N, C-alpha and C. Protein backbone atom coordinates (compact mmCIF):
# COMPACT_ATOMS: atom_id res chain seq x y z
N MET A 1 0.85 -1.19 0.00
CA MET A 1 0.00 0.00 0.00
C MET A 1 0.88 1.24 0.00
N ALA A 2 0.47 2.25 -0.68
CA ALA A 2 1.24 3.49 -0.74
C ALA A 2 1.18 4.21 0.59
N TYR A 3 2.27 4.89 0.93
CA TYR A 3 2.30 5.67 2.15
C TYR A 3 1.55 6.97 1.92
N GLN A 4 0.77 7.40 2.89
CA GLN A 4 0.10 8.68 2.81
C GLN A 4 -0.02 9.25 4.21
N GLU A 5 -0.11 10.56 4.27
CA GLU A 5 -0.24 11.19 5.57
C GLU A 5 -1.68 11.05 6.02
N ARG A 6 -1.87 10.59 7.25
CA ARG A 6 -3.23 10.40 7.76
C ARG A 6 -3.22 10.44 9.28
N ASN A 7 -4.37 10.68 9.86
CA ASN A 7 -4.56 10.53 11.30
C ASN A 7 -4.93 9.08 11.55
N VAL A 8 -4.27 8.48 12.49
CA VAL A 8 -4.55 7.09 12.83
C VAL A 8 -5.14 7.08 14.23
N HIS A 9 -6.31 6.47 14.37
CA HIS A 9 -6.98 6.45 15.67
C HIS A 9 -7.25 5.00 16.08
N CYS A 10 -6.99 4.68 17.32
CA CYS A 10 -7.47 3.44 17.93
C CYS A 10 -7.72 3.75 19.39
N GLU A 11 -8.11 2.77 20.15
CA GLU A 11 -8.48 3.01 21.54
C GLU A 11 -7.33 3.57 22.37
N CYS A 12 -6.09 3.27 21.98
CA CYS A 12 -4.97 3.63 22.86
C CYS A 12 -4.02 4.64 22.24
N CYS A 13 -4.23 5.11 21.02
CA CYS A 13 -3.26 6.03 20.44
C CYS A 13 -3.88 6.93 19.37
N VAL A 14 -3.29 8.08 19.21
CA VAL A 14 -3.58 8.97 18.09
C VAL A 14 -2.23 9.37 17.53
N VAL A 15 -1.99 9.04 16.27
CA VAL A 15 -0.68 9.29 15.67
C VAL A 15 -0.89 10.03 14.35
N ARG A 16 -0.15 11.10 14.13
CA ARG A 16 -0.18 11.78 12.83
C ARG A 16 1.22 11.62 12.24
N LYS A 17 1.32 10.79 11.24
CA LYS A 17 2.61 10.49 10.64
C LYS A 17 2.38 9.75 9.34
N LEU A 18 3.44 9.35 8.69
CA LEU A 18 3.34 8.55 7.47
C LEU A 18 3.28 7.08 7.87
N TRP A 19 2.11 6.46 7.74
CA TRP A 19 1.94 5.06 8.14
C TRP A 19 1.20 4.30 7.06
N SER A 20 1.57 3.07 6.85
CA SER A 20 0.72 2.18 6.07
C SER A 20 -0.20 1.48 7.05
N ARG A 21 -1.24 0.83 6.57
CA ARG A 21 -2.15 0.12 7.47
C ARG A 21 -1.44 -0.98 8.23
N SER A 22 -0.58 -1.73 7.56
CA SER A 22 0.11 -2.83 8.24
C SER A 22 1.05 -2.31 9.32
N GLU A 23 1.70 -1.14 9.07
CA GLU A 23 2.56 -0.55 10.10
C GLU A 23 1.73 -0.14 11.32
N HIS A 24 0.56 0.44 11.07
CA HIS A 24 -0.28 0.85 12.19
C HIS A 24 -0.75 -0.37 12.98
N ARG A 25 -1.12 -1.44 12.28
CA ARG A 25 -1.54 -2.66 12.96
C ARG A 25 -0.43 -3.18 13.87
N ARG A 26 0.80 -3.21 13.36
CA ARG A 26 1.93 -3.68 14.18
C ARG A 26 2.15 -2.78 15.38
N LEU A 27 2.07 -1.46 15.18
CA LEU A 27 2.23 -0.52 16.28
C LEU A 27 1.14 -0.73 17.31
N ARG A 28 -0.11 -0.84 16.85
CA ARG A 28 -1.23 -1.02 17.77
C ARG A 28 -1.08 -2.30 18.59
N LEU A 29 -0.69 -3.40 17.94
CA LEU A 29 -0.48 -4.66 18.67
C LEU A 29 0.63 -4.52 19.70
N ALA A 30 1.71 -3.83 19.33
CA ALA A 30 2.82 -3.65 20.26
C ALA A 30 2.40 -2.82 21.47
N VAL A 31 1.63 -1.75 21.22
CA VAL A 31 1.17 -0.90 22.32
C VAL A 31 0.23 -1.68 23.24
N HIS A 32 -0.69 -2.43 22.66
CA HIS A 32 -1.60 -3.22 23.47
C HIS A 32 -0.83 -4.25 24.31
N ALA A 33 0.16 -4.90 23.73
CA ALA A 33 0.97 -5.87 24.47
C ALA A 33 1.69 -5.20 25.62
N MET A 34 2.25 -3.99 25.38
CA MET A 34 2.93 -3.28 26.46
C MET A 34 1.95 -2.92 27.57
N LEU A 35 0.73 -2.52 27.23
CA LEU A 35 -0.27 -2.20 28.25
C LEU A 35 -0.60 -3.42 29.10
N LEU A 36 -0.77 -4.59 28.46
CA LEU A 36 -1.06 -5.80 29.21
C LEU A 36 0.07 -6.15 30.16
N VAL A 37 1.31 -6.08 29.67
CA VAL A 37 2.46 -6.40 30.53
C VAL A 37 2.54 -5.41 31.67
N THR A 38 2.27 -4.12 31.39
CA THR A 38 2.29 -3.10 32.45
C THR A 38 1.23 -3.40 33.51
N LEU A 39 0.03 -3.75 33.08
CA LEU A 39 -1.02 -4.08 34.04
C LEU A 39 -0.64 -5.27 34.89
N TRP A 40 -0.14 -6.36 34.24
CA TRP A 40 0.23 -7.55 34.99
C TRP A 40 1.43 -7.29 35.89
N ALA A 41 2.36 -6.44 35.45
CA ALA A 41 3.55 -6.15 36.26
C ALA A 41 3.16 -5.38 37.51
N GLY A 42 1.95 -4.83 37.54
CA GLY A 42 1.49 -4.10 38.71
C GLY A 42 1.11 -5.00 39.87
N GLY A 43 1.35 -6.31 39.79
CA GLY A 43 1.11 -7.20 40.91
C GLY A 43 -0.21 -7.93 40.86
N VAL A 44 -0.92 -7.90 39.73
CA VAL A 44 -2.20 -8.58 39.68
C VAL A 44 -2.12 -9.97 39.06
N VAL A 45 -0.90 -10.46 38.77
CA VAL A 45 -0.78 -11.83 38.25
C VAL A 45 -0.90 -12.77 39.44
N LEU A 46 -2.02 -13.50 39.46
CA LEU A 46 -2.25 -14.42 40.57
C LEU A 46 -3.31 -15.43 40.17
N GLY A 47 -3.37 -16.51 40.90
CA GLY A 47 -4.38 -17.52 40.63
C GLY A 47 -4.60 -18.41 41.83
N SER A 48 -5.82 -18.90 41.95
CA SER A 48 -6.19 -19.84 43.00
C SER A 48 -6.93 -21.00 42.35
N PHE A 49 -6.43 -22.22 42.58
CA PHE A 49 -6.94 -23.41 41.92
C PHE A 49 -7.06 -24.54 42.94
N PHE A 50 -7.92 -25.52 42.65
CA PHE A 50 -7.98 -26.70 43.50
C PHE A 50 -8.48 -27.89 42.70
N ASP A 51 -8.42 -29.07 43.31
CA ASP A 51 -8.84 -30.29 42.62
C ASP A 51 -9.87 -31.02 43.46
N THR A 52 -10.91 -31.54 42.79
CA THR A 52 -12.02 -32.20 43.48
C THR A 52 -12.03 -33.71 43.26
N THR A 53 -10.97 -34.25 42.67
CA THR A 53 -10.93 -35.69 42.39
C THR A 53 -10.00 -36.40 43.36
N THR A 54 -10.08 -37.72 43.36
CA THR A 54 -9.13 -38.54 44.10
C THR A 54 -8.16 -39.12 43.08
N VAL A 55 -6.87 -38.91 43.31
CA VAL A 55 -5.84 -39.25 42.33
C VAL A 55 -4.94 -40.35 42.88
N PRO A 56 -4.91 -41.51 42.24
CA PRO A 56 -3.99 -42.57 42.68
C PRO A 56 -2.54 -42.16 42.43
N LEU A 57 -1.66 -42.54 43.34
CA LEU A 57 -0.23 -42.34 43.16
C LEU A 57 0.42 -43.71 43.01
N PRO A 58 0.43 -44.27 41.80
CA PRO A 58 1.00 -45.60 41.60
C PRO A 58 2.48 -45.63 41.99
N ARG A 59 2.89 -46.75 42.51
CA ARG A 59 4.27 -46.93 42.95
C ARG A 59 5.22 -46.74 41.76
N TYR A 60 6.24 -45.91 41.94
CA TYR A 60 7.30 -45.64 40.96
C TYR A 60 6.83 -44.94 39.70
N VAL A 61 5.69 -44.27 39.74
CA VAL A 61 5.18 -43.53 38.58
C VAL A 61 5.12 -42.05 38.93
N ALA A 62 5.79 -41.21 38.13
CA ALA A 62 5.74 -39.76 38.33
C ALA A 62 4.36 -39.27 37.87
N THR A 63 3.58 -38.76 38.80
CA THR A 63 2.20 -38.36 38.53
C THR A 63 2.05 -36.85 38.67
N PRO A 64 1.65 -36.13 37.59
CA PRO A 64 1.38 -34.70 37.74
C PRO A 64 0.07 -34.50 38.51
N VAL A 65 0.09 -33.58 39.45
CA VAL A 65 -1.09 -33.30 40.28
C VAL A 65 -2.07 -32.46 39.47
N PRO A 66 -3.33 -32.92 39.34
CA PRO A 66 -4.30 -32.15 38.56
C PRO A 66 -4.97 -31.05 39.41
N PHE A 67 -5.45 -30.02 38.71
CA PHE A 67 -6.25 -28.95 39.32
C PHE A 67 -7.43 -28.73 38.39
N ASP A 68 -8.62 -29.23 38.79
CA ASP A 68 -9.77 -29.20 37.88
C ASP A 68 -10.68 -28.00 38.08
N THR A 69 -10.38 -27.14 39.06
CA THR A 69 -11.25 -26.00 39.34
C THR A 69 -10.41 -24.73 39.50
N THR A 70 -10.81 -23.67 38.80
CA THR A 70 -10.18 -22.36 38.97
C THR A 70 -11.09 -21.51 39.83
N ASP A 71 -10.58 -21.09 40.98
CA ASP A 71 -11.34 -20.19 41.85
C ASP A 71 -11.33 -18.79 41.23
N PHE A 72 -10.14 -18.28 40.95
CA PHE A 72 -9.97 -17.05 40.19
C PHE A 72 -8.55 -17.04 39.65
N ALA A 73 -8.33 -16.31 38.57
CA ALA A 73 -6.99 -16.26 37.99
C ALA A 73 -6.86 -15.06 37.06
N ASP A 74 -5.68 -14.50 37.02
CA ASP A 74 -5.35 -13.41 36.10
C ASP A 74 -3.86 -13.51 35.79
N GLY A 75 -3.55 -13.86 34.55
CA GLY A 75 -2.15 -13.95 34.14
C GLY A 75 -1.52 -15.31 34.35
N VAL A 76 -2.26 -16.24 34.91
CA VAL A 76 -1.80 -17.62 35.11
C VAL A 76 -3.01 -18.52 34.93
N SER A 77 -2.79 -19.71 34.35
CA SER A 77 -3.91 -20.62 34.12
C SER A 77 -3.43 -22.06 34.23
N ILE A 78 -4.38 -22.96 34.32
CA ILE A 78 -4.09 -24.39 34.30
C ILE A 78 -4.44 -24.89 32.90
N VAL A 79 -3.45 -25.44 32.20
CA VAL A 79 -3.62 -25.95 30.84
C VAL A 79 -3.51 -27.47 30.88
N ASP A 80 -4.36 -28.15 30.16
CA ASP A 80 -4.36 -29.62 30.10
C ASP A 80 -4.50 -30.26 31.48
N GLY A 81 -5.14 -29.56 32.41
CA GLY A 81 -5.44 -30.12 33.72
C GLY A 81 -4.33 -30.09 34.74
N THR A 82 -3.05 -30.00 34.30
CA THR A 82 -1.94 -30.08 35.26
C THR A 82 -0.87 -29.01 35.06
N LYS A 83 -0.88 -28.29 33.95
CA LYS A 83 0.21 -27.36 33.62
C LYS A 83 -0.10 -25.96 34.11
N ILE A 84 0.66 -25.50 35.09
CA ILE A 84 0.52 -24.16 35.66
C ILE A 84 1.25 -23.23 34.69
N THR A 85 0.50 -22.49 33.88
CA THR A 85 1.07 -21.77 32.74
C THR A 85 1.03 -20.27 32.95
N MET A 86 2.18 -19.62 32.74
CA MET A 86 2.32 -18.19 32.97
C MET A 86 2.09 -17.41 31.67
N ALA A 87 1.29 -16.36 31.76
CA ALA A 87 1.03 -15.50 30.61
C ALA A 87 2.04 -14.37 30.50
N VAL A 88 2.81 -14.16 31.55
CA VAL A 88 3.86 -13.13 31.56
C VAL A 88 5.11 -13.72 32.19
N GLY A 89 6.23 -13.08 31.95
CA GLY A 89 7.48 -13.52 32.56
C GLY A 89 7.69 -12.84 33.90
N GLY A 90 8.56 -13.43 34.71
CA GLY A 90 8.89 -12.84 36.01
C GLY A 90 9.22 -13.89 37.03
N LYS A 91 9.15 -13.48 38.28
CA LYS A 91 9.38 -14.39 39.42
C LYS A 91 8.04 -14.65 40.08
N PHE A 92 7.81 -15.91 40.48
CA PHE A 92 6.51 -16.32 41.01
C PHE A 92 6.68 -17.15 42.26
N ASN A 93 5.70 -17.06 43.14
CA ASN A 93 5.60 -17.93 44.30
C ASN A 93 4.48 -18.93 44.02
N ILE A 94 4.84 -20.20 43.92
CA ILE A 94 3.87 -21.28 43.70
C ILE A 94 3.71 -22.00 45.02
N MET A 95 2.50 -21.94 45.59
CA MET A 95 2.23 -22.55 46.90
C MET A 95 1.18 -23.64 46.73
N PHE A 96 1.35 -24.74 47.45
CA PHE A 96 0.39 -25.82 47.34
C PHE A 96 0.19 -26.50 48.68
N SER A 97 -0.93 -27.20 48.77
CA SER A 97 -1.15 -28.16 49.85
C SER A 97 -1.90 -29.33 49.23
N SER A 98 -1.68 -30.50 49.79
CA SER A 98 -2.31 -31.70 49.25
C SER A 98 -2.58 -32.67 50.39
N GLN A 99 -3.75 -33.29 50.35
CA GLN A 99 -4.12 -34.28 51.37
C GLN A 99 -3.84 -35.67 50.82
N LEU A 100 -2.89 -36.36 51.45
CA LEU A 100 -2.53 -37.72 51.05
C LEU A 100 -3.21 -38.72 51.97
N GLU A 101 -3.63 -39.84 51.39
CA GLU A 101 -4.21 -40.91 52.18
C GLU A 101 -3.50 -42.21 51.83
N LYS A 102 -3.04 -42.90 52.86
CA LYS A 102 -2.42 -44.20 52.64
C LYS A 102 -3.42 -45.29 52.95
N GLY A 103 -3.44 -46.31 52.12
CA GLY A 103 -4.43 -47.37 52.26
C GLY A 103 -3.89 -48.62 52.92
N ASP A 104 -2.69 -48.52 53.50
CA ASP A 104 -2.11 -49.69 54.14
C ASP A 104 -1.40 -49.28 55.43
N ALA A 105 -1.07 -50.26 56.22
CA ALA A 105 -0.31 -50.01 57.45
C ALA A 105 1.17 -49.89 57.10
N GLY A 106 1.96 -49.49 58.05
CA GLY A 106 3.40 -49.41 57.82
C GLY A 106 3.83 -48.00 57.47
N THR A 107 5.13 -47.82 57.27
CA THR A 107 5.72 -46.53 56.93
C THR A 107 5.89 -46.45 55.43
N ASP A 108 5.46 -45.32 54.84
CA ASP A 108 5.53 -45.12 53.39
C ASP A 108 6.26 -43.83 53.08
N LEU A 109 6.75 -43.76 51.84
CA LEU A 109 7.50 -42.60 51.37
C LEU A 109 6.84 -42.04 50.12
N VAL A 110 6.62 -40.72 50.11
CA VAL A 110 6.09 -40.02 48.95
C VAL A 110 7.09 -38.92 48.58
N SER A 111 7.39 -38.80 47.29
CA SER A 111 8.26 -37.72 46.81
C SER A 111 7.41 -36.68 46.11
N VAL A 112 7.73 -35.40 46.36
CA VAL A 112 7.01 -34.28 45.77
C VAL A 112 8.04 -33.33 45.17
N TRP A 113 7.86 -32.95 43.89
CA TRP A 113 8.81 -32.05 43.26
C TRP A 113 8.12 -31.23 42.17
N LEU A 114 8.88 -30.35 41.56
CA LEU A 114 8.37 -29.46 40.53
C LEU A 114 9.03 -29.80 39.19
N ALA A 115 8.24 -29.78 38.13
CA ALA A 115 8.77 -29.90 36.77
C ALA A 115 8.51 -28.59 36.05
N LYS A 116 9.48 -28.18 35.23
CA LYS A 116 9.37 -26.94 34.45
C LYS A 116 9.44 -27.31 32.97
N ASP A 117 8.40 -26.95 32.23
CA ASP A 117 8.31 -27.28 30.80
C ASP A 117 8.57 -28.75 30.54
N GLY A 118 8.04 -29.61 31.41
CA GLY A 118 8.12 -31.05 31.22
C GLY A 118 9.40 -31.71 31.70
N VAL A 119 10.31 -30.93 32.29
CA VAL A 119 11.59 -31.47 32.77
C VAL A 119 11.67 -31.25 34.28
N ASN A 120 12.11 -32.27 35.02
CA ASN A 120 12.25 -32.12 36.47
C ASN A 120 13.13 -30.92 36.80
N ALA A 121 12.65 -30.05 37.69
CA ALA A 121 13.41 -28.87 38.12
C ALA A 121 14.41 -29.30 39.20
N ALA A 122 15.66 -28.96 38.99
CA ALA A 122 16.73 -29.37 39.90
C ALA A 122 16.47 -28.88 41.33
N TRP A 123 16.81 -29.71 42.29
CA TRP A 123 16.79 -29.39 43.71
C TRP A 123 15.40 -28.99 44.22
N THR A 124 14.33 -29.57 43.66
CA THR A 124 12.98 -29.25 44.14
C THR A 124 12.30 -30.42 44.84
N ASN A 125 12.91 -31.60 44.84
CA ASN A 125 12.26 -32.78 45.41
C ASN A 125 12.32 -32.78 46.94
N THR A 126 11.26 -33.24 47.55
CA THR A 126 11.22 -33.49 48.99
C THR A 126 10.59 -34.86 49.20
N ASP A 127 11.24 -35.68 50.03
CA ASP A 127 10.69 -36.98 50.41
C ASP A 127 9.90 -36.81 51.70
N VAL A 128 8.68 -37.27 51.70
CA VAL A 128 7.81 -37.19 52.87
C VAL A 128 7.63 -38.60 53.41
N VAL A 129 8.00 -38.80 54.68
CA VAL A 129 7.84 -40.10 55.33
C VAL A 129 6.52 -40.09 56.07
N ILE A 130 5.64 -41.01 55.70
CA ILE A 130 4.34 -41.14 56.36
C ILE A 130 4.42 -42.37 57.24
N THR A 131 4.42 -42.12 58.54
CA THR A 131 4.70 -43.19 59.50
C THR A 131 3.54 -44.15 59.69
N ALA A 132 3.82 -45.20 60.40
CA ALA A 132 2.86 -46.29 60.63
C ALA A 132 1.71 -45.82 61.49
N SER A 133 0.77 -45.13 60.88
CA SER A 133 -0.38 -44.63 61.64
C SER A 133 -1.66 -45.36 61.27
N GLY A 134 -1.53 -46.45 60.53
CA GLY A 134 -2.70 -47.25 60.19
C GLY A 134 -3.24 -46.98 58.81
N ALA A 135 -4.03 -47.92 58.33
CA ALA A 135 -4.63 -47.79 57.01
C ALA A 135 -5.62 -46.64 56.98
N ASN A 136 -5.76 -46.02 55.82
CA ASN A 136 -6.69 -44.92 55.57
C ASN A 136 -6.39 -43.67 56.40
N SER A 137 -5.16 -43.51 56.84
CA SER A 137 -4.80 -42.29 57.56
C SER A 137 -4.46 -41.21 56.55
N ARG A 138 -4.79 -39.97 56.90
CA ARG A 138 -4.58 -38.84 56.00
C ARG A 138 -3.48 -37.93 56.55
N HIS A 139 -2.71 -37.37 55.62
CA HIS A 139 -1.60 -36.48 55.96
C HIS A 139 -1.60 -35.33 54.97
N VAL A 140 -1.25 -34.13 55.44
CA VAL A 140 -1.19 -32.97 54.57
C VAL A 140 0.26 -32.61 54.31
N VAL A 141 0.59 -32.41 53.03
CA VAL A 141 1.89 -31.86 52.65
C VAL A 141 1.63 -30.48 52.08
N ALA A 142 2.49 -29.52 52.43
CA ALA A 142 2.29 -28.14 51.96
C ALA A 142 3.60 -27.38 52.05
N TRP A 143 3.97 -26.72 50.99
CA TRP A 143 5.09 -25.79 50.98
C TRP A 143 5.01 -24.96 49.71
N ASN A 144 6.07 -24.21 49.42
CA ASN A 144 6.05 -23.34 48.25
C ASN A 144 7.38 -23.41 47.49
N PHE A 145 7.33 -22.94 46.26
CA PHE A 145 8.50 -22.84 45.40
C PHE A 145 8.56 -21.42 44.85
N PHE A 146 9.74 -20.79 44.89
CA PHE A 146 9.97 -19.54 44.18
C PHE A 146 10.62 -19.90 42.85
N VAL A 147 10.02 -19.43 41.74
CA VAL A 147 10.49 -19.83 40.41
C VAL A 147 10.58 -18.60 39.51
N GLU A 148 11.39 -18.74 38.45
CA GLU A 148 11.43 -17.74 37.39
C GLU A 148 10.78 -18.34 36.15
N ALA A 149 10.06 -17.51 35.41
CA ALA A 149 9.36 -18.01 34.23
C ALA A 149 9.38 -16.97 33.13
N GLU A 150 9.33 -17.45 31.90
CA GLU A 150 9.13 -16.60 30.74
C GLU A 150 7.68 -16.78 30.28
N VAL A 151 7.24 -15.93 29.38
CA VAL A 151 5.88 -16.05 28.84
C VAL A 151 5.70 -17.46 28.28
N GLY A 152 4.64 -18.13 28.68
CA GLY A 152 4.34 -19.47 28.18
C GLY A 152 4.98 -20.61 28.94
N THR A 153 5.88 -20.30 29.89
CA THR A 153 6.49 -21.35 30.70
C THR A 153 5.40 -22.04 31.51
N TYR A 154 5.52 -23.36 31.67
CA TYR A 154 4.58 -24.06 32.54
C TYR A 154 5.33 -24.91 33.56
N PHE A 155 4.67 -25.08 34.70
CA PHE A 155 5.18 -25.90 35.79
C PHE A 155 4.16 -26.97 36.09
N GLN A 156 4.62 -28.09 36.63
CA GLN A 156 3.73 -29.14 37.11
C GLN A 156 4.22 -29.59 38.48
N LEU A 157 3.28 -29.75 39.40
CA LEU A 157 3.57 -30.33 40.69
C LEU A 157 3.52 -31.85 40.50
N MET A 158 4.60 -32.52 40.84
CA MET A 158 4.73 -33.96 40.59
C MET A 158 4.79 -34.71 41.91
N MET A 159 4.22 -35.93 41.93
CA MET A 159 4.28 -36.79 43.11
C MET A 159 4.46 -38.24 42.69
N THR A 160 5.07 -39.02 43.56
CA THR A 160 5.13 -40.47 43.40
C THR A 160 5.24 -41.12 44.76
N SER A 161 4.74 -42.32 44.85
CA SER A 161 4.95 -43.15 46.04
C SER A 161 6.03 -44.16 45.68
N THR A 162 7.02 -44.28 46.54
CA THR A 162 8.11 -45.22 46.24
C THR A 162 8.04 -46.48 47.09
N THR A 163 7.04 -46.56 47.97
CA THR A 163 6.96 -47.74 48.84
C THR A 163 5.60 -48.40 48.86
N SER A 164 4.57 -47.74 48.34
CA SER A 164 3.22 -48.29 48.44
C SER A 164 2.44 -48.05 47.16
N SER A 165 1.63 -49.02 46.79
CA SER A 165 0.74 -48.83 45.64
C SER A 165 -0.65 -48.42 46.13
N GLN A 166 -0.78 -48.11 47.42
CA GLN A 166 -2.08 -47.76 47.99
C GLN A 166 -2.10 -46.32 48.53
N MET A 167 -1.40 -45.42 47.82
CA MET A 167 -1.35 -44.02 48.22
C MET A 167 -2.18 -43.21 47.21
N VAL A 168 -2.99 -42.27 47.72
CA VAL A 168 -3.81 -41.41 46.86
C VAL A 168 -3.77 -39.98 47.36
N ILE A 169 -4.05 -39.05 46.43
CA ILE A 169 -4.38 -37.67 46.80
C ILE A 169 -5.89 -37.68 46.98
N ARG A 170 -6.37 -37.44 48.19
CA ARG A 170 -7.77 -37.68 48.53
C ARG A 170 -8.58 -36.39 48.64
N SER A 171 -9.64 -36.28 47.83
CA SER A 171 -10.68 -35.26 48.01
C SER A 171 -11.82 -35.92 48.77
N VAL A 172 -12.52 -35.12 49.57
CA VAL A 172 -13.59 -35.66 50.42
C VAL A 172 -14.83 -34.79 50.27
N ALA A 173 -15.99 -35.43 50.12
CA ALA A 173 -17.27 -34.70 50.02
C ALA A 173 -17.57 -34.00 51.34
N SER A 174 -18.58 -33.13 51.34
CA SER A 174 -18.97 -32.44 52.57
C SER A 174 -19.33 -33.46 53.64
N GLN A 175 -19.16 -33.05 54.88
CA GLN A 175 -19.34 -33.96 56.01
C GLN A 175 -20.38 -33.39 56.98
N THR A 176 -20.87 -34.25 57.86
CA THR A 176 -21.89 -33.84 58.82
C THR A 176 -21.42 -34.11 60.25
N ASN A 177 -22.21 -33.60 61.18
CA ASN A 177 -22.00 -33.77 62.63
C ASN A 177 -20.64 -33.28 63.11
N PRO A 178 -20.36 -31.99 63.03
CA PRO A 178 -21.16 -30.91 62.46
C PRO A 178 -20.96 -30.82 60.95
N THR A 179 -21.80 -30.03 60.29
CA THR A 179 -21.69 -29.83 58.85
C THR A 179 -20.37 -29.13 58.55
N ARG A 180 -19.62 -29.73 57.58
CA ARG A 180 -18.33 -29.17 57.18
C ARG A 180 -18.23 -29.18 55.66
N PRO A 181 -17.49 -28.24 55.08
CA PRO A 181 -17.38 -28.19 53.62
C PRO A 181 -16.50 -29.31 53.06
N GLU A 182 -16.48 -29.41 51.76
CA GLU A 182 -15.68 -30.40 51.05
C GLU A 182 -14.18 -30.14 51.29
N ILE A 183 -13.38 -31.20 51.10
CA ILE A 183 -11.93 -31.09 51.21
C ILE A 183 -11.34 -31.33 49.83
N PRO A 184 -10.68 -30.32 49.25
CA PRO A 184 -10.01 -30.55 47.96
C PRO A 184 -8.78 -31.42 48.18
N GLY A 185 -8.50 -32.30 47.22
CA GLY A 185 -7.31 -33.13 47.32
C GLY A 185 -6.04 -32.31 47.19
N ALA A 186 -6.10 -31.25 46.41
CA ALA A 186 -4.94 -30.37 46.23
C ALA A 186 -5.42 -28.93 46.07
N ILE A 187 -4.65 -28.00 46.63
CA ILE A 187 -4.93 -26.57 46.53
C ILE A 187 -3.65 -25.92 46.02
N LEU A 188 -3.81 -24.97 45.10
CA LEU A 188 -2.66 -24.29 44.51
C LEU A 188 -2.93 -22.80 44.43
N THR A 189 -1.98 -21.97 44.86
CA THR A 189 -2.05 -20.55 44.61
C THR A 189 -0.75 -20.10 43.96
N VAL A 190 -0.85 -19.14 43.06
CA VAL A 190 0.31 -18.61 42.34
C VAL A 190 0.23 -17.09 42.41
N GLN A 191 1.37 -16.45 42.70
CA GLN A 191 1.41 -14.99 42.73
C GLN A 191 2.74 -14.53 42.18
N GLN A 192 2.69 -13.51 41.32
CA GLN A 192 3.91 -12.92 40.82
C GLN A 192 4.53 -12.08 41.92
N VAL A 193 5.83 -12.25 42.15
CA VAL A 193 6.54 -11.52 43.20
C VAL A 193 7.67 -10.64 42.65
N GLY A 194 7.87 -10.69 41.36
CA GLY A 194 8.94 -9.86 40.77
C GLY A 194 8.99 -9.99 39.28
């Protein structure tokens, strides 16, 4: 298209210069992208998620923890049920808690770690020893990870049982006497910190 002098108007800019339509489109997209990054950089990148299912942790199998419900989110989402995906780059605090239930007696070991873009993240594993407290006993694991991410980076919370084939991440329906709300098997919150 030939260059001509014109006023260019869109929601975010007024420019009087020599522009072709394609140049204006590129400029407008760039300005809109900068506005989104500026808004998210203001500290509103956050998300709260949880899972309502019971997830088996097969012995010696690396299992990504699912999150089937989004409470609220802005700038972070759950993709494919398990991928904690960032819409912007930066530093993030990923916090979780999970209710584990063992279906057998004896002492069992569960490993919990973080994967980044499908690869185990170095130095993130923790072994949790669940002592001989009887069958169907429940235990809560909870901590956080500080991570760096680029746009589109995803993380997965991973778990495995190395001693028992009767370990699950347990969600529980509402209870009575007294009335109590449901228990999610896993809870996840994400917040941008830098």
